Amino acid sequence: MTNLIKKFHCSLMLCCVLLMPQIVRASFVDLNFGAGLMNQAIGRYQTDVSGEKSSFNNRLALETGLTYEWNPSWHLFLDLGFLWPGGSEESYISKQVYYLNGHFGYKLTDEIILRYGGGLYLTQISGDGGEASIRNGTGFTNFPIPEETTTARNVTFNVAGEYYFHKEYSTKLEAFIFNPTNSRNRTYNLALTLRYHFGDSLWAD
């Protein structure tokens, strides 16, 4: 499995190198801002120290994005976002989530664009140190609380559909797939956002 992941990363890097001339020639067409809801680790999200899990854990997702056009059919999308609140259900831990995505987009119609690509998902956790007693099966175990900020990094595979119901407004439904090559540890985030598009008018002469 490790070799497969390495091959995947090498293939991704090779594709980026081969596509770099096209990316450089792409023209900027849009700046946009979005807000919506994201569900993390659908069906696997632990809601409390007793181990209870929930299929839904809506968090406010705020995003800003850039769009570049190669030709009338193909676009490149770059999105930067974060969640609020970050997602921690425990008072002794502070958690914040940031993500950066890069998508290729194909324009099916004037209103619908299919997007796919990858992303970097960062989970930042901090605490005041010490220990917390957390249920472990039928009993409790003391787990250390971080006294310094730590950041977990995940690479995701993303697929999305975006619908432009107005020249300046769209909705985007996006799936974040964690550990896509590992069926046991694979998890999904799902986000729905409403976006406002400035276009390139801010830079127009």
N, C-alpha and C. Protein backbone atom coordinates (compact mmCIF):
# COMPACT_ATOMS: atom_id res chain seq x y z
N MET A 1 0.82 -1.20 0.00
CA MET A 1 0.00 0.00 0.00
C MET A 1 0.86 1.26 0.00
N THR A 2 1.99 1.23 0.75
CA THR A 2 2.89 2.39 0.78
C THR A 2 3.44 2.69 -0.60
N ASN A 3 3.84 1.63 -1.34
CA ASN A 3 4.36 1.83 -2.70
C ASN A 3 3.28 2.42 -3.61
N LEU A 4 2.03 1.98 -3.42
CA LEU A 4 0.93 2.50 -4.23
C LEU A 4 0.74 3.99 -3.99
N ILE A 5 0.81 4.40 -2.72
CA ILE A 5 0.66 5.81 -2.39
C ILE A 5 1.80 6.63 -2.98
N LYS A 6 3.04 6.09 -2.90
CA LYS A 6 4.19 6.79 -3.47
C LYS A 6 4.03 6.96 -4.97
N LYS A 7 3.55 5.90 -5.64
CA LYS A 7 3.33 5.99 -7.09
C LYS A 7 2.27 7.03 -7.42
N PHE A 8 1.21 7.08 -6.57
CA PHE A 8 0.15 8.07 -6.78
C PHE A 8 0.70 9.48 -6.66
N HIS A 9 1.53 9.73 -5.63
CA HIS A 9 2.11 11.05 -5.44
C HIS A 9 3.04 11.41 -6.59
N CYS A 10 3.85 10.44 -7.06
CA CYS A 10 4.75 10.70 -8.18
C CYS A 10 3.97 11.03 -9.45
N SER A 11 2.87 10.28 -9.68
CA SER A 11 2.04 10.54 -10.85
C SER A 11 1.40 11.92 -10.78
N LEU A 12 0.94 12.31 -9.57
CA LEU A 12 0.34 13.62 -9.39
C LEU A 12 1.35 14.73 -9.67
N MET A 13 2.58 14.55 -9.16
CA MET A 13 3.62 15.55 -9.39
C MET A 13 3.97 15.64 -10.87
N LEU A 14 4.03 14.50 -11.56
CA LEU A 14 4.34 14.49 -12.98
C LEU A 14 3.26 15.21 -13.78
N CYS A 15 1.99 14.97 -13.41
CA CYS A 15 0.88 15.65 -14.10
C CYS A 15 0.98 17.16 -13.91
N CYS A 16 1.34 17.60 -12.68
CA CYS A 16 1.47 19.03 -12.41
C CYS A 16 2.57 19.65 -13.26
N VAL A 17 3.70 18.93 -13.39
CA VAL A 17 4.81 19.43 -14.19
C VAL A 17 4.41 19.53 -15.66
N LEU A 18 3.74 18.49 -16.17
CA LEU A 18 3.33 18.48 -17.57
C LEU A 18 2.29 19.56 -17.87
N LEU A 19 1.44 19.84 -16.89
CA LEU A 19 0.37 20.81 -17.10
C LEU A 19 0.80 22.24 -16.78
N MET A 20 2.00 22.43 -16.22
CA MET A 20 2.44 23.76 -15.82
C MET A 20 2.39 24.78 -16.96
N PRO A 21 2.84 24.44 -18.17
CA PRO A 21 2.73 25.44 -19.27
C PRO A 21 1.30 25.87 -19.51
N GLN A 22 0.34 24.93 -19.40
CA GLN A 22 -1.07 25.28 -19.59
C GLN A 22 -1.57 26.17 -18.45
N ILE A 23 -1.11 25.85 -17.22
CA ILE A 23 -1.53 26.64 -16.07
C ILE A 23 -1.03 28.07 -16.19
N VAL A 24 0.22 28.23 -16.64
CA VAL A 24 0.80 29.56 -16.79
C VAL A 24 0.02 30.37 -17.82
N ARG A 25 -0.45 29.70 -18.88
CA ARG A 25 -1.18 30.41 -19.94
C ARG A 25 -2.64 30.67 -19.59
N ALA A 26 -3.13 30.09 -18.51
CA ALA A 26 -4.52 30.30 -18.12
C ALA A 26 -4.74 31.75 -17.70
N SER A 27 -5.92 32.27 -18.00
CA SER A 27 -6.23 33.66 -17.68
C SER A 27 -7.17 33.75 -16.49
N PHE A 28 -6.93 34.74 -15.63
CA PHE A 28 -7.76 34.94 -14.45
C PHE A 28 -9.15 35.45 -14.87
N VAL A 29 -10.21 34.83 -14.31
CA VAL A 29 -11.57 35.24 -14.68
C VAL A 29 -12.47 35.52 -13.48
N ASP A 30 -12.07 35.11 -12.24
CA ASP A 30 -13.04 35.27 -11.16
C ASP A 30 -12.39 35.23 -9.78
N LEU A 31 -12.89 36.09 -8.90
CA LEU A 31 -12.64 36.03 -7.47
C LEU A 31 -13.99 35.82 -6.81
N ASN A 32 -14.10 34.89 -5.87
CA ASN A 32 -15.39 34.62 -5.24
C ASN A 32 -15.23 34.32 -3.76
N PHE A 33 -16.33 34.53 -3.04
CA PHE A 33 -16.39 34.22 -1.61
C PHE A 33 -17.60 33.33 -1.37
N GLY A 34 -17.44 32.38 -0.44
CA GLY A 34 -18.52 31.45 -0.18
C GLY A 34 -18.72 31.20 1.31
N ALA A 35 -19.94 30.79 1.65
CA ALA A 35 -20.27 30.42 3.03
C ALA A 35 -21.28 29.28 2.97
N GLY A 36 -21.14 28.35 3.90
CA GLY A 36 -22.07 27.21 3.91
C GLY A 36 -21.82 26.31 5.10
N LEU A 37 -22.13 25.03 4.93
CA LEU A 37 -22.00 24.05 6.00
C LEU A 37 -21.15 22.87 5.53
N MET A 38 -20.35 22.34 6.47
CA MET A 38 -19.56 21.15 6.19
C MET A 38 -19.81 20.11 7.27
N ASN A 39 -20.03 18.86 6.85
CA ASN A 39 -20.11 17.72 7.75
C ASN A 39 -18.78 16.98 7.71
N GLN A 40 -18.18 16.75 8.88
CA GLN A 40 -16.89 16.09 8.96
C GLN A 40 -17.05 14.61 9.29
N ALA A 41 -16.24 13.77 8.62
CA ALA A 41 -16.18 12.34 8.92
C ALA A 41 -17.58 11.76 9.07
N ILE A 42 -18.35 11.82 8.00
CA ILE A 42 -19.75 11.42 8.03
C ILE A 42 -19.89 9.99 8.54
N GLY A 43 -20.71 9.80 9.57
CA GLY A 43 -20.95 8.49 10.16
C GLY A 43 -19.90 8.04 11.14
N ARG A 44 -18.80 8.79 11.24
CA ARG A 44 -17.72 8.38 12.15
C ARG A 44 -17.34 9.47 13.14
N TYR A 45 -18.07 10.56 13.15
CA TYR A 45 -17.70 11.69 14.00
C TYR A 45 -18.12 11.43 15.44
N GLN A 46 -17.14 11.42 16.35
CA GLN A 46 -17.43 11.17 17.77
C GLN A 46 -17.92 12.44 18.42
N THR A 47 -19.07 12.36 19.07
CA THR A 47 -19.71 13.56 19.62
C THR A 47 -19.41 13.81 21.09
N ASP A 48 -18.97 12.78 21.83
CA ASP A 48 -18.67 12.99 23.24
C ASP A 48 -17.66 11.94 23.70
N VAL A 49 -17.24 12.07 24.98
CA VAL A 49 -16.20 11.19 25.51
C VAL A 49 -16.67 9.76 25.70
N SER A 50 -17.98 9.51 25.65
CA SER A 50 -18.48 8.15 25.82
C SER A 50 -18.38 7.34 24.54
N GLY A 51 -18.00 7.98 23.44
CA GLY A 51 -17.83 7.26 22.18
C GLY A 51 -19.01 7.35 21.24
N GLU A 52 -20.05 8.12 21.59
CA GLU A 52 -21.20 8.26 20.71
C GLU A 52 -20.79 8.94 19.40
N LYS A 53 -21.39 8.48 18.30
CA LYS A 53 -21.05 9.01 16.99
C LYS A 53 -22.28 9.57 16.30
N SER A 54 -22.05 10.50 15.39
CA SER A 54 -23.14 11.15 14.69
C SER A 54 -22.84 11.18 13.20
N SER A 55 -23.90 11.09 12.39
CA SER A 55 -23.74 11.20 10.94
C SER A 55 -23.67 12.65 10.49
N PHE A 56 -24.14 13.57 11.34
CA PHE A 56 -24.19 14.98 10.96
C PHE A 56 -23.57 15.83 12.05
N ASN A 57 -22.67 16.73 11.66
CA ASN A 57 -22.02 17.64 12.60
C ASN A 57 -21.71 18.93 11.86
N ASN A 58 -22.74 19.66 11.50
CA ASN A 58 -22.58 20.85 10.67
C ASN A 58 -21.67 21.88 11.30
N ARG A 59 -20.72 22.36 10.50
CA ARG A 59 -19.85 23.46 10.89
C ARG A 59 -19.92 24.52 9.81
N LEU A 60 -19.83 25.77 10.21
CA LEU A 60 -19.83 26.86 9.24
C LEU A 60 -18.53 26.83 8.45
N ALA A 61 -18.64 26.77 7.13
CA ALA A 61 -17.47 26.78 6.25
C ALA A 61 -17.41 28.12 5.52
N LEU A 62 -16.29 28.81 5.63
CA LEU A 62 -16.06 30.08 4.94
C LEU A 62 -14.92 29.89 3.95
N GLU A 63 -15.14 30.31 2.70
CA GLU A 63 -14.17 30.06 1.64
C GLU A 63 -13.95 31.31 0.79
N THR A 64 -12.77 31.38 0.20
CA THR A 64 -12.48 32.34 -0.85
C THR A 64 -11.83 31.58 -2.00
N GLY A 65 -12.14 31.95 -3.23
CA GLY A 65 -11.65 31.18 -4.36
C GLY A 65 -11.23 32.03 -5.54
N LEU A 66 -10.35 31.47 -6.35
CA LEU A 66 -9.91 32.07 -7.60
C LEU A 66 -10.20 31.11 -8.74
N THR A 67 -10.54 31.65 -9.90
CA THR A 67 -10.81 30.83 -11.07
C THR A 67 -9.97 31.32 -12.25
N TYR A 68 -9.34 30.36 -12.94
CA TYR A 68 -8.55 30.65 -14.15
C TYR A 68 -9.12 29.83 -15.30
N GLU A 69 -9.13 30.41 -16.47
CA GLU A 69 -9.70 29.75 -17.64
C GLU A 69 -8.62 29.38 -18.64
N TRP A 70 -8.59 28.08 -19.03
CA TRP A 70 -7.72 27.65 -20.11
C TRP A 70 -8.39 27.86 -21.46
N ASN A 71 -9.65 27.43 -21.51
CA ASN A 71 -10.45 27.59 -22.72
C ASN A 71 -11.91 27.61 -22.27
N PRO A 72 -12.87 27.81 -23.17
CA PRO A 72 -14.27 27.91 -22.75
C PRO A 72 -14.79 26.69 -21.98
N SER A 73 -14.13 25.52 -22.12
CA SER A 73 -14.62 24.31 -21.45
C SER A 73 -13.89 23.97 -20.16
N TRP A 74 -12.60 24.28 -20.07
CA TRP A 74 -11.80 23.85 -18.93
C TRP A 74 -11.32 25.04 -18.10
N HIS A 75 -11.43 24.86 -16.77
CA HIS A 75 -11.02 25.90 -15.82
C HIS A 75 -10.18 25.29 -14.71
N LEU A 76 -9.43 26.15 -14.03
CA LEU A 76 -8.68 25.78 -12.83
C LEU A 76 -9.23 26.58 -11.66
N PHE A 77 -9.57 25.87 -10.56
CA PHE A 77 -10.15 26.50 -9.38
C PHE A 77 -9.22 26.31 -8.18
N LEU A 78 -8.99 27.38 -7.44
CA LEU A 78 -8.21 27.34 -6.20
C LEU A 78 -9.08 27.89 -5.08
N ASP A 79 -9.26 27.10 -4.01
CA ASP A 79 -10.12 27.50 -2.89
C ASP A 79 -9.35 27.40 -1.58
N LEU A 80 -9.52 28.40 -0.74
CA LEU A 80 -8.96 28.41 0.61
C LEU A 80 -10.12 28.60 1.59
N GLY A 81 -10.20 27.73 2.61
CA GLY A 81 -11.32 27.83 3.53
C GLY A 81 -10.96 27.44 4.96
N PHE A 82 -11.88 27.71 5.87
CA PHE A 82 -11.73 27.25 7.26
C PHE A 82 -13.10 27.02 7.86
N LEU A 83 -13.13 26.24 8.93
CA LEU A 83 -14.37 25.90 9.61
C LEU A 83 -14.48 26.66 10.92
N TRP A 84 -15.73 27.03 11.27
CA TRP A 84 -15.99 27.68 12.55
C TRP A 84 -17.31 27.18 13.10
N PRO A 85 -17.36 26.71 14.35
CA PRO A 85 -16.17 26.39 15.17
C PRO A 85 -15.41 25.21 14.59
N GLY A 86 -14.19 24.99 15.09
CA GLY A 86 -13.33 24.00 14.48
C GLY A 86 -13.82 22.57 14.59
N GLY A 87 -14.56 22.23 15.62
CA GLY A 87 -15.11 20.88 15.68
C GLY A 87 -14.91 20.15 16.99
N SER A 88 -14.16 20.70 17.93
CA SER A 88 -13.93 20.00 19.19
C SER A 88 -15.15 20.08 20.09
N GLU A 89 -15.56 18.92 20.63
CA GLU A 89 -16.69 18.88 21.56
C GLU A 89 -16.22 18.95 23.00
N GLU A 90 -14.91 18.93 23.24
CA GLU A 90 -14.36 18.93 24.59
C GLU A 90 -13.87 20.34 24.93
N SER A 91 -14.20 20.80 26.14
CA SER A 91 -13.85 22.15 26.55
C SER A 91 -12.35 22.33 26.76
N TYR A 92 -11.63 21.22 26.99
CA TYR A 92 -10.21 21.33 27.30
C TYR A 92 -9.34 21.33 26.04
N ILE A 93 -9.94 21.25 24.87
CA ILE A 93 -9.18 21.26 23.63
C ILE A 93 -9.74 22.32 22.70
N SER A 94 -8.84 23.07 22.07
CA SER A 94 -9.22 24.03 21.05
C SER A 94 -8.81 23.47 19.69
N LYS A 95 -9.73 23.51 18.74
CA LYS A 95 -9.50 22.89 17.43
C LYS A 95 -9.88 23.85 16.32
N GLN A 96 -9.02 23.94 15.29
CA GLN A 96 -9.32 24.76 14.13
C GLN A 96 -8.94 24.00 12.87
N VAL A 97 -9.76 24.13 11.84
CA VAL A 97 -9.56 23.41 10.58
C VAL A 97 -9.40 24.40 9.44
N TYR A 98 -8.35 24.19 8.63
CA TYR A 98 -8.12 24.97 7.41
C TYR A 98 -7.96 24.00 6.25
N TYR A 99 -8.30 24.44 5.04
CA TYR A 99 -8.11 23.57 3.88
C TYR A 99 -7.82 24.40 2.64
N LEU A 100 -7.03 23.81 1.76
CA LEU A 100 -6.65 24.43 0.48
C LEU A 100 -6.87 23.40 -0.61
N ASN A 101 -7.69 23.74 -1.61
CA ASN A 101 -8.04 22.80 -2.67
C ASN A 101 -7.68 23.36 -4.04
N GLY A 102 -7.26 22.46 -4.94
CA GLY A 102 -7.05 22.80 -6.33
C GLY A 102 -7.85 21.87 -7.21
N HIS A 103 -8.71 22.43 -8.07
CA HIS A 103 -9.61 21.62 -8.89
C HIS A 103 -9.43 21.92 -10.37
N PHE A 104 -9.57 20.87 -11.18
CA PHE A 104 -9.83 21.03 -12.60
C PHE A 104 -11.34 21.03 -12.78
N GLY A 105 -11.84 21.91 -13.63
CA GLY A 105 -13.28 21.99 -13.83
C GLY A 105 -13.65 21.90 -15.30
N TYR A 106 -14.68 21.11 -15.57
CA TYR A 106 -15.19 20.98 -16.94
C TYR A 106 -16.60 21.56 -17.00
N LYS A 107 -16.83 22.46 -17.93
CA LYS A 107 -18.10 23.15 -18.06
C LYS A 107 -19.06 22.32 -18.89
N LEU A 108 -20.01 21.67 -18.22
CA LEU A 108 -21.01 20.87 -18.94
C LEU A 108 -21.98 21.75 -19.71
N THR A 109 -22.47 22.80 -19.04
CA THR A 109 -23.36 23.78 -19.65
C THR A 109 -22.94 25.16 -19.13
N ASP A 110 -23.68 26.19 -19.51
CA ASP A 110 -23.38 27.53 -19.01
C ASP A 110 -23.63 27.63 -17.50
N GLU A 111 -24.43 26.71 -16.95
CA GLU A 111 -24.77 26.77 -15.53
C GLU A 111 -24.08 25.71 -14.67
N ILE A 112 -23.62 24.61 -15.24
CA ILE A 112 -23.12 23.48 -14.45
C ILE A 112 -21.65 23.19 -14.77
N ILE A 113 -20.84 23.09 -13.72
CA ILE A 113 -19.42 22.75 -13.85
C ILE A 113 -19.11 21.57 -12.93
N LEU A 114 -18.47 20.56 -13.49
CA LEU A 114 -17.98 19.43 -12.69
C LEU A 114 -16.52 19.69 -12.34
N ARG A 115 -16.18 19.47 -11.06
CA ARG A 115 -14.84 19.77 -10.58
C ARG A 115 -14.25 18.55 -9.88
N TYR A 116 -12.93 18.36 -10.05
CA TYR A 116 -12.23 17.28 -9.34
C TYR A 116 -10.79 17.71 -9.13
N GLY A 117 -10.18 17.16 -8.09
CA GLY A 117 -8.80 17.53 -7.81
C GLY A 117 -8.38 17.04 -6.44
N GLY A 118 -7.44 17.74 -5.84
CA GLY A 118 -6.90 17.35 -4.54
C GLY A 118 -6.84 18.53 -3.60
N GLY A 119 -6.53 18.23 -2.35
CA GLY A 119 -6.47 19.29 -1.36
C GLY A 119 -5.58 18.95 -0.19
N LEU A 120 -5.27 19.96 0.59
CA LEU A 120 -4.50 19.82 1.83
C LEU A 120 -5.42 20.26 2.96
N TYR A 121 -5.66 19.36 3.92
CA TYR A 121 -6.61 19.58 5.02
C TYR A 121 -5.82 19.62 6.31
N LEU A 122 -5.84 20.75 7.00
CA LEU A 122 -5.03 20.96 8.20
C LEU A 122 -5.93 21.06 9.42
N THR A 123 -5.66 20.24 10.45
CA THR A 123 -6.40 20.28 11.71
C THR A 123 -5.44 20.69 12.81
N GLN A 124 -5.69 21.85 13.39
CA GLN A 124 -4.81 22.42 14.41
C GLN A 124 -5.46 22.25 15.78
N ILE A 125 -4.74 21.61 16.71
CA ILE A 125 -5.27 21.32 18.04
C ILE A 125 -4.33 21.91 19.09
N SER A 126 -4.90 22.54 20.10
CA SER A 126 -4.10 23.09 21.20
C SER A 126 -4.84 22.89 22.51
N GLY A 127 -4.12 22.91 23.61
CA GLY A 127 -4.71 22.73 24.93
C GLY A 127 -3.81 23.31 26.00
N ASP A 128 -4.22 23.14 27.25
CA ASP A 128 -3.47 23.70 28.39
C ASP A 128 -2.61 22.66 29.09
N GLY A 129 -2.51 21.46 28.52
CA GLY A 129 -1.71 20.42 29.16
C GLY A 129 -2.51 19.63 30.19
N GLY A 130 -1.87 18.65 30.79
CA GLY A 130 -2.52 17.81 31.79
C GLY A 130 -3.08 16.54 31.18
N GLU A 131 -4.11 15.97 31.83
CA GLU A 131 -4.72 14.73 31.37
C GLU A 131 -6.23 14.83 31.42
N ALA A 132 -6.88 14.02 30.59
CA ALA A 132 -8.34 13.92 30.59
C ALA A 132 -8.73 12.45 30.67
N SER A 133 -9.74 12.15 31.49
CA SER A 133 -10.23 10.79 31.63
C SER A 133 -11.31 10.55 30.58
N ILE A 134 -11.04 9.63 29.66
CA ILE A 134 -11.95 9.37 28.53
C ILE A 134 -12.32 7.89 28.54
N ARG A 135 -13.58 7.62 28.23
CA ARG A 135 -14.06 6.24 28.21
C ARG A 135 -13.28 5.42 27.19
N ASN A 136 -12.84 4.24 27.60
CA ASN A 136 -12.11 3.32 26.73
C ASN A 136 -12.73 1.93 26.91
N GLY A 137 -13.75 1.65 26.09
CA GLY A 137 -14.48 0.39 26.26
C GLY A 137 -15.40 0.47 27.45
N THR A 138 -15.20 -0.41 28.43
CA THR A 138 -16.05 -0.42 29.61
C THR A 138 -15.50 0.44 30.75
N GLY A 139 -14.28 0.92 30.60
CA GLY A 139 -13.67 1.73 31.64
C GLY A 139 -13.22 3.08 31.12
N PHE A 140 -12.34 3.71 31.89
CA PHE A 140 -11.82 5.02 31.52
C PHE A 140 -10.29 4.96 31.50
N THR A 141 -9.69 5.75 30.61
CA THR A 141 -8.24 5.84 30.51
C THR A 141 -7.85 7.31 30.49
N ASN A 142 -6.76 7.64 31.15
CA ASN A 142 -6.25 9.01 31.14
C ASN A 142 -5.42 9.25 29.88
N PHE A 143 -5.81 10.25 29.14
CA PHE A 143 -5.09 10.62 27.93
C PHE A 143 -4.48 12.01 28.11
N PRO A 144 -3.25 12.20 27.60
CA PRO A 144 -2.62 13.51 27.75
C PRO A 144 -3.30 14.58 26.90
N ILE A 145 -3.39 15.80 27.44
CA ILE A 145 -3.90 16.95 26.71
C ILE A 145 -2.70 17.74 26.19
N PRO A 146 -2.66 18.09 24.91
CA PRO A 146 -1.50 18.81 24.38
C PRO A 146 -1.35 20.17 25.05
N GLU A 147 -0.12 20.51 25.38
CA GLU A 147 0.14 21.83 25.95
C GLU A 147 0.76 22.76 24.92
N GLU A 148 1.02 22.24 23.74
CA GLU A 148 1.48 23.06 22.62
C GLU A 148 0.58 22.80 21.42
N THR A 149 0.60 23.71 20.49
CA THR A 149 -0.22 23.55 19.29
C THR A 149 0.39 22.50 18.37
N THR A 150 -0.44 21.54 17.94
CA THR A 150 -0.01 20.53 16.98
C THR A 150 -0.93 20.59 15.77
N THR A 151 -0.39 20.21 14.62
CA THR A 151 -1.16 20.29 13.37
C THR A 151 -1.10 18.95 12.65
N ALA A 152 -2.27 18.39 12.37
CA ALA A 152 -2.37 17.15 11.58
C ALA A 152 -2.64 17.54 10.13
N ARG A 153 -1.92 16.89 9.21
CA ARG A 153 -2.03 17.21 7.79
C ARG A 153 -2.58 16.01 7.04
N ASN A 154 -3.58 16.23 6.22
CA ASN A 154 -4.17 15.18 5.41
C ASN A 154 -4.27 15.65 3.96
N VAL A 155 -3.95 14.75 3.05
CA VAL A 155 -4.16 15.00 1.62
C VAL A 155 -5.49 14.38 1.23
N THR A 156 -6.33 15.13 0.54
CA THR A 156 -7.66 14.65 0.18
C THR A 156 -7.83 14.60 -1.33
N PHE A 157 -8.73 13.72 -1.77
CA PHE A 157 -9.20 13.72 -3.15
C PHE A 157 -10.59 14.33 -3.13
N ASN A 158 -10.85 15.29 -4.01
CA ASN A 158 -12.09 16.04 -3.96
C ASN A 158 -12.85 15.94 -5.27
N VAL A 159 -14.16 15.84 -5.17
CA VAL A 159 -15.04 15.94 -6.34
C VAL A 159 -16.16 16.91 -5.97
N ALA A 160 -16.60 17.70 -6.95
CA ALA A 160 -17.60 18.72 -6.66
C ALA A 160 -18.42 19.03 -7.90
N GLY A 161 -19.60 19.54 -7.66
CA GLY A 161 -20.45 20.06 -8.71
C GLY A 161 -20.87 21.47 -8.34
N GLU A 162 -20.81 22.37 -9.30
CA GLU A 162 -21.18 23.77 -9.03
C GLU A 162 -22.25 24.21 -10.01
N TYR A 163 -23.30 24.84 -9.46
CA TYR A 163 -24.44 25.27 -10.27
C TYR A 163 -24.57 26.79 -10.18
N TYR A 164 -24.47 27.48 -11.33
CA TYR A 164 -24.61 28.92 -11.40
C TYR A 164 -26.06 29.25 -11.72
N PHE A 165 -26.82 29.63 -10.69
CA PHE A 165 -28.22 29.98 -10.91
C PHE A 165 -28.38 31.46 -11.21
N HIS A 166 -27.27 32.20 -11.18
CA HIS A 166 -27.26 33.63 -11.52
C HIS A 166 -25.84 33.97 -11.93
N LYS A 167 -25.66 35.04 -12.67
CA LYS A 167 -24.31 35.42 -13.12
C LYS A 167 -23.36 35.61 -11.95
N GLU A 168 -23.88 36.07 -10.81
CA GLU A 168 -23.02 36.39 -9.67
C GLU A 168 -23.15 35.41 -8.51
N TYR A 169 -24.02 34.41 -8.63
CA TYR A 169 -24.24 33.48 -7.53
C TYR A 169 -24.19 32.03 -8.01
N SER A 170 -23.66 31.17 -7.14
CA SER A 170 -23.64 29.74 -7.44
C SER A 170 -23.71 28.96 -6.14
N THR A 171 -24.03 27.67 -6.25
CA THR A 171 -23.96 26.75 -5.12
C THR A 171 -22.98 25.64 -5.49
N LYS A 172 -22.20 25.19 -4.52
CA LYS A 172 -21.20 24.14 -4.75
C LYS A 172 -21.38 23.04 -3.73
N LEU A 173 -21.54 21.80 -4.22
CA LEU A 173 -21.60 20.62 -3.36
C LEU A 173 -20.29 19.86 -3.57
N GLU A 174 -19.54 19.66 -2.48
CA GLU A 174 -18.19 19.09 -2.59
C GLU A 174 -17.98 17.96 -1.59
N ALA A 175 -17.37 16.88 -2.07
CA ALA A 175 -16.99 15.76 -1.21
C ALA A 175 -15.48 15.75 -1.03
N PHE A 176 -15.03 15.67 0.21
CA PHE A 176 -13.62 15.52 0.57
C PHE A 176 -13.40 14.05 0.93
N ILE A 177 -12.53 13.36 0.24
CA ILE A 177 -12.30 11.95 0.49
C ILE A 177 -10.92 11.77 1.12
N PHE A 178 -10.90 11.28 2.36
CA PHE A 178 -9.66 11.04 3.09
C PHE A 178 -9.26 9.57 2.93
N ASN A 179 -7.95 9.32 2.79
CA ASN A 179 -7.44 7.95 2.62
C ASN A 179 -8.18 7.21 1.51
N PRO A 180 -8.19 7.74 0.30
CA PRO A 180 -8.98 7.12 -0.78
C PRO A 180 -8.53 5.71 -1.14
N THR A 181 -7.26 5.36 -0.86
CA THR A 181 -6.77 4.04 -1.22
C THR A 181 -6.88 3.03 -0.07
N ASN A 182 -7.43 3.46 1.07
CA ASN A 182 -7.53 2.59 2.25
C ASN A 182 -8.99 2.48 2.65
N SER A 183 -9.62 1.36 2.32
CA SER A 183 -11.06 1.20 2.58
C SER A 183 -11.38 1.20 4.07
N ARG A 184 -10.45 0.75 4.89
CA ARG A 184 -10.71 0.68 6.33
C ARG A 184 -10.71 2.06 6.96
N ASN A 185 -9.79 2.91 6.55
CA ASN A 185 -9.66 4.23 7.17
C ASN A 185 -10.26 5.36 6.32
N ARG A 186 -10.91 5.01 5.23
CA ARG A 186 -11.47 6.03 4.36
C ARG A 186 -12.63 6.75 5.05
N THR A 187 -12.61 8.07 4.99
CA THR A 187 -13.69 8.88 5.54
C THR A 187 -14.05 9.98 4.55
N TYR A 188 -15.22 10.60 4.80
CA TYR A 188 -15.74 11.60 3.87
C TYR A 188 -16.20 12.84 4.63
N ASN A 189 -15.90 13.99 4.07
CA ASN A 189 -16.53 15.24 4.47
C ASN A 189 -17.41 15.70 3.32
N LEU A 190 -18.50 16.36 3.64
CA LEU A 190 -19.40 16.86 2.62
C LEU A 190 -19.72 18.32 2.93
N ALA A 191 -19.54 19.20 1.93
CA ALA A 191 -19.75 20.63 2.14
C ALA A 191 -20.69 21.19 1.08
N LEU A 192 -21.59 22.05 1.52
CA LEU A 192 -22.50 22.76 0.62
C LEU A 192 -22.34 24.25 0.89
N THR A 193 -21.95 25.02 -0.13
CA THR A 193 -21.70 26.45 0.05
C THR A 193 -22.44 27.26 -1.00
N LEU A 194 -22.78 28.47 -0.60
CA LEU A 194 -23.33 29.48 -1.50
C LEU A 194 -22.23 30.48 -1.78
N ARG A 195 -22.00 30.82 -3.06
CA ARG A 195 -20.85 31.64 -3.42
C ARG A 195 -21.29 32.88 -4.18
N TYR A 196 -20.58 33.99 -3.88
CA TYR A 196 -20.78 35.24 -4.62
C TYR A 196 -19.55 35.47 -5.49
N HIS A 197 -19.78 35.75 -6.78
CA HIS A 197 -18.70 35.91 -7.75
C HIS A 197 -18.54 37.37 -8.17
N PHE A 198 -17.31 37.88 -7.95
CA PHE A 198 -17.01 39.23 -8.39
C PHE A 198 -16.62 39.26 -9.87
N GLY A 199 -16.25 38.10 -10.41
CA GLY A 199 -15.71 38.10 -11.77
C GLY A 199 -14.36 38.77 -11.80
N ASP A 200 -13.99 39.33 -12.93
CA ASP A 200 -12.72 40.04 -13.03
C ASP A 200 -12.93 41.55 -13.01
N SER A 201 -14.12 41.99 -12.58
CA SER A 201 -14.45 43.42 -12.61
C SER A 201 -13.57 44.24 -11.68
N LEU A 202 -13.06 43.63 -10.61
CA LEU A 202 -12.23 44.38 -9.67
C LEU A 202 -10.89 44.79 -10.29
N TRP A 203 -10.49 44.09 -11.34
CA TRP A 203 -9.22 44.37 -12.00
C TRP A 203 -9.41 45.02 -13.37
N ALA A 204 -10.65 45.26 -13.74
CA ALA A 204 -10.92 45.82 -15.06
C ALA A 204 -10.50 47.29 -15.11
N ASP A 205 -10.00 47.71 -16.25
CA ASP A 205 -9.58 49.11 -16.42
C ASP A 205 -10.81 50.02 -16.60
